[in-house]
């Protein structure tokens, strides 16, 4: 699976891919959301879940190292990259 193919799927399809192939890394909170980070090999994905209304509003894939910054305090992401 690559990021371009992942992003062609519906929200439900992206969620299924994460459940089947993703490795949970960490979670964070923001504006009432529980945001879970997953490793999918060649890219990362986040699931934005609102526990107040039990609704997943966003499932997004990305490769950006900048998008990983909110997780820096929880885990050592540097180990995941070949520098």
C-alpha atoms as a PDB file:
ATOM      1  CA  UNK A   1       0.000   0.000   0.000  1.00  0.00           C
ATOM      2  CA  UNK A   2       1.289   3.450  -0.838  1.00  0.00           C
ATOM      3  CA  UNK A   3       0.034   6.854   0.241  1.00  0.00           C
ATOM      4  CA  UNK A   4      -1.490   7.774  -3.136  1.00  0.00           C
ATOM      5  CA  UNK A   5      -3.533   4.577  -3.268  1.00  0.00           C
ATOM      6  CA  UNK A   6      -4.537   4.951   0.396  1.00  0.00           C
ATOM      7  CA  UNK A   7      -5.857   8.456  -0.265  1.00  0.00           C
ATOM      8  CA  UNK A   8      -8.086   7.266  -3.137  1.00  0.00           C
ATOM      9  CA  UNK A   9     -10.209   5.258  -0.698  1.00  0.00           C
ATOM     10  CA  UNK A  10     -13.245   6.557   1.163  1.00  0.00           C
ATOM     11  CA  UNK A  11     -13.005   7.376   4.856  1.00  0.00           C
ATOM     12  CA  UNK A  12     -14.389   3.926   5.671  1.00  0.00           C
ATOM     13  CA  UNK A  13     -11.942   2.304   3.259  1.00  0.00           C
ATOM     14  CA  UNK A  14      -8.959   4.119   4.785  1.00  0.00           C
ATOM     15  CA  UNK A  15     -10.124   3.061   8.238  1.00  0.00           C
ATOM     16  CA  UNK A  16     -10.324  -0.589   7.137  1.00  0.00           C
ATOM     17  CA  UNK A  17      -6.789  -0.413   5.746  1.00  0.00           C
ATOM     18  CA  UNK A  18      -5.465   0.987   9.025  1.00  0.00           C
ATOM     19  CA  UNK A  19      -7.219  -1.687  11.068  1.00  0.00           C
ATOM     20  CA  UNK A  20      -5.901  -4.451   8.792  1.00  0.00           C
ATOM     21  CA  UNK A  21      -2.337  -3.212   8.187  1.00  0.00           C
ATOM     22  CA  UNK A  22      -1.489  -0.366  10.548  1.00  0.00           C
ATOM     23  CA  UNK A  23       0.674  -0.501  13.641  1.00  0.00           C
ATOM     24  CA  UNK A  24      -0.541   1.760  16.434  1.00  0.00           C
ATOM     25  CA  UNK A  25       2.169   4.149  17.625  1.00  0.00           C
ATOM     26  CA  UNK A  26       0.625   6.787  19.888  1.00  0.00           C
ATOM     27  CA  UNK A  27      -2.327   9.043  20.503  1.00  0.00           C
ATOM     28  CA  UNK A  28      -2.866  12.665  21.422  1.00  0.00           C
ATOM     29  CA  UNK A  29      -5.778  14.933  22.203  1.00  0.00           C
ATOM     30  CA  UNK A  30      -6.826  18.102  20.415  1.00  0.00           C
ATOM     31  CA  UNK A  31     -10.044  20.109  20.623  1.00  0.00           C
ATOM     32  CA  UNK A  32     -12.029  17.204  22.038  1.00  0.00           C
ATOM     33  CA  UNK A  33     -10.630  14.652  19.574  1.00  0.00           C
ATOM     34  CA  UNK A  34      -8.597  11.554  20.309  1.00  0.00           C
ATOM     35  CA  UNK A  35      -6.115  11.389  17.453  1.00  0.00           C
ATOM     36  CA  UNK A  36      -4.416   8.039  16.934  1.00  0.00           C
ATOM     37  CA  UNK A  37      -1.190   7.655  14.941  1.00  0.00           C
ATOM     38  CA  UNK A  38      -0.446   4.513  12.937  1.00  0.00           C
ATOM     39  CA  UNK A  39       2.547   3.343  10.928  1.00  0.00           C
ATOM     40  CA  UNK A  40       1.679   1.814   7.567  1.00  0.00           C
ATOM     41  CA  UNK A  41       5.203   1.136   6.384  1.00  0.00           C
ATOM     42  CA  UNK A  42       5.847   3.796   3.771  1.00  0.00           C
ATOM     43  CA  UNK A  43       3.620   6.436   5.390  1.00  0.00           C
ATOM     44  CA  UNK A  44       1.725   7.315   8.557  1.00  0.00           C
ATOM     45  CA  UNK A  45      -1.986   7.735   9.189  1.00  0.00           C
ATOM     46  CA  UNK A  46      -4.131   9.441  11.787  1.00  0.00           C
ATOM     47  CA  UNK A  47      -7.646   8.631  12.919  1.00  0.00           C
ATOM     48  CA  UNK A  48      -9.515  11.630  14.374  1.00  0.00           C
ATOM     49  CA  UNK A  49     -12.153  10.299  16.755  1.00  0.00           C
ATOM     50  CA  UNK A  50     -14.626  12.382  18.759  1.00  0.00           C
ATOM     51  CA  UNK A  51     -15.549  10.367  21.867  1.00  0.00           C
ATOM     52  CA  UNK A  52     -18.317  12.802  22.800  1.00  0.00           C
ATOM     53  CA  UNK A  53     -20.451  11.799  19.834  1.00  0.00           C
ATOM     54  CA  UNK A  54     -18.689   8.492  19.004  1.00  0.00           C
ATOM     55  CA  UNK A  55     -17.809   9.717  15.507  1.00  0.00           C
ATOM     56  CA  UNK A  56     -14.699   9.390  13.333  1.00  0.00           C
ATOM     57  CA  UNK A  57     -14.461  12.634  11.425  1.00  0.00           C
ATOM     58  CA  UNK A  58     -11.104  12.264   9.668  1.00  0.00           C
ATOM     59  CA  UNK A  59      -8.753   9.516   8.543  1.00  0.00           C
ATOM     60  CA  UNK A  60      -5.684  10.903   6.824  1.00  0.00           C
ATOM     61  CA  UNK A  61      -2.418   9.560   5.530  1.00  0.00           C
ATOM     62  CA  UNK A  62       0.803  11.550   5.304  1.00  0.00           C
ATOM     63  CA  UNK A  63       4.574  11.338   4.947  1.00  0.00           C
ATOM     64  CA  UNK A  64       5.406  14.723   6.411  1.00  0.00           C
ATOM     65  CA  UNK A  65       7.848  14.651   9.307  1.00  0.00           C
ATOM     66  CA  UNK A  66       6.379  17.980  10.428  1.00  0.00           C
ATOM     67  CA  UNK A  67       2.986  16.284  10.966  1.00  0.00           C
ATOM     68  CA  UNK A  68       4.704  13.932  13.437  1.00  0.00           C
ATOM     69  CA  UNK A  69       5.864  16.760  15.721  1.00  0.00           C
ATOM     70  CA  UNK A  70       2.823  16.600  18.068  1.00  0.00           C
ATOM     71  CA  UNK A  71       3.935  13.060  18.996  1.00  0.00           C
ATOM     72  CA  UNK A  72       7.596  13.846  19.716  1.00  0.00           C
ATOM     73  CA  UNK A  73       7.127  14.008  23.499  1.00  0.00           C
ATOM     74  CA  UNK A  74       5.506  10.563  23.604  1.00  0.00           C
ATOM     75  CA  UNK A  75       7.851   8.459  21.506  1.00  0.00           C
ATOM     76  CA  UNK A  76      11.225   8.536  19.832  1.00  0.00           C
ATOM     77  CA  UNK A  77      10.266   8.899  16.189  1.00  0.00           C
ATOM     78  CA  UNK A  78      13.891   9.331  15.138  1.00  0.00           C
ATOM     79  CA  UNK A  79      14.345   5.553  15.401  1.00  0.00           C
ATOM     80  CA  UNK A  80      11.778   5.089  12.629  1.00  0.00           C
ATOM     81  CA  UNK A  81      13.773   6.955   9.978  1.00  0.00           C
ATOM     82  CA  UNK A  82      16.903   6.084   8.053  1.00  0.00           C
ATOM     83  CA  UNK A  83      19.020   9.211   8.398  1.00  0.00           C
END
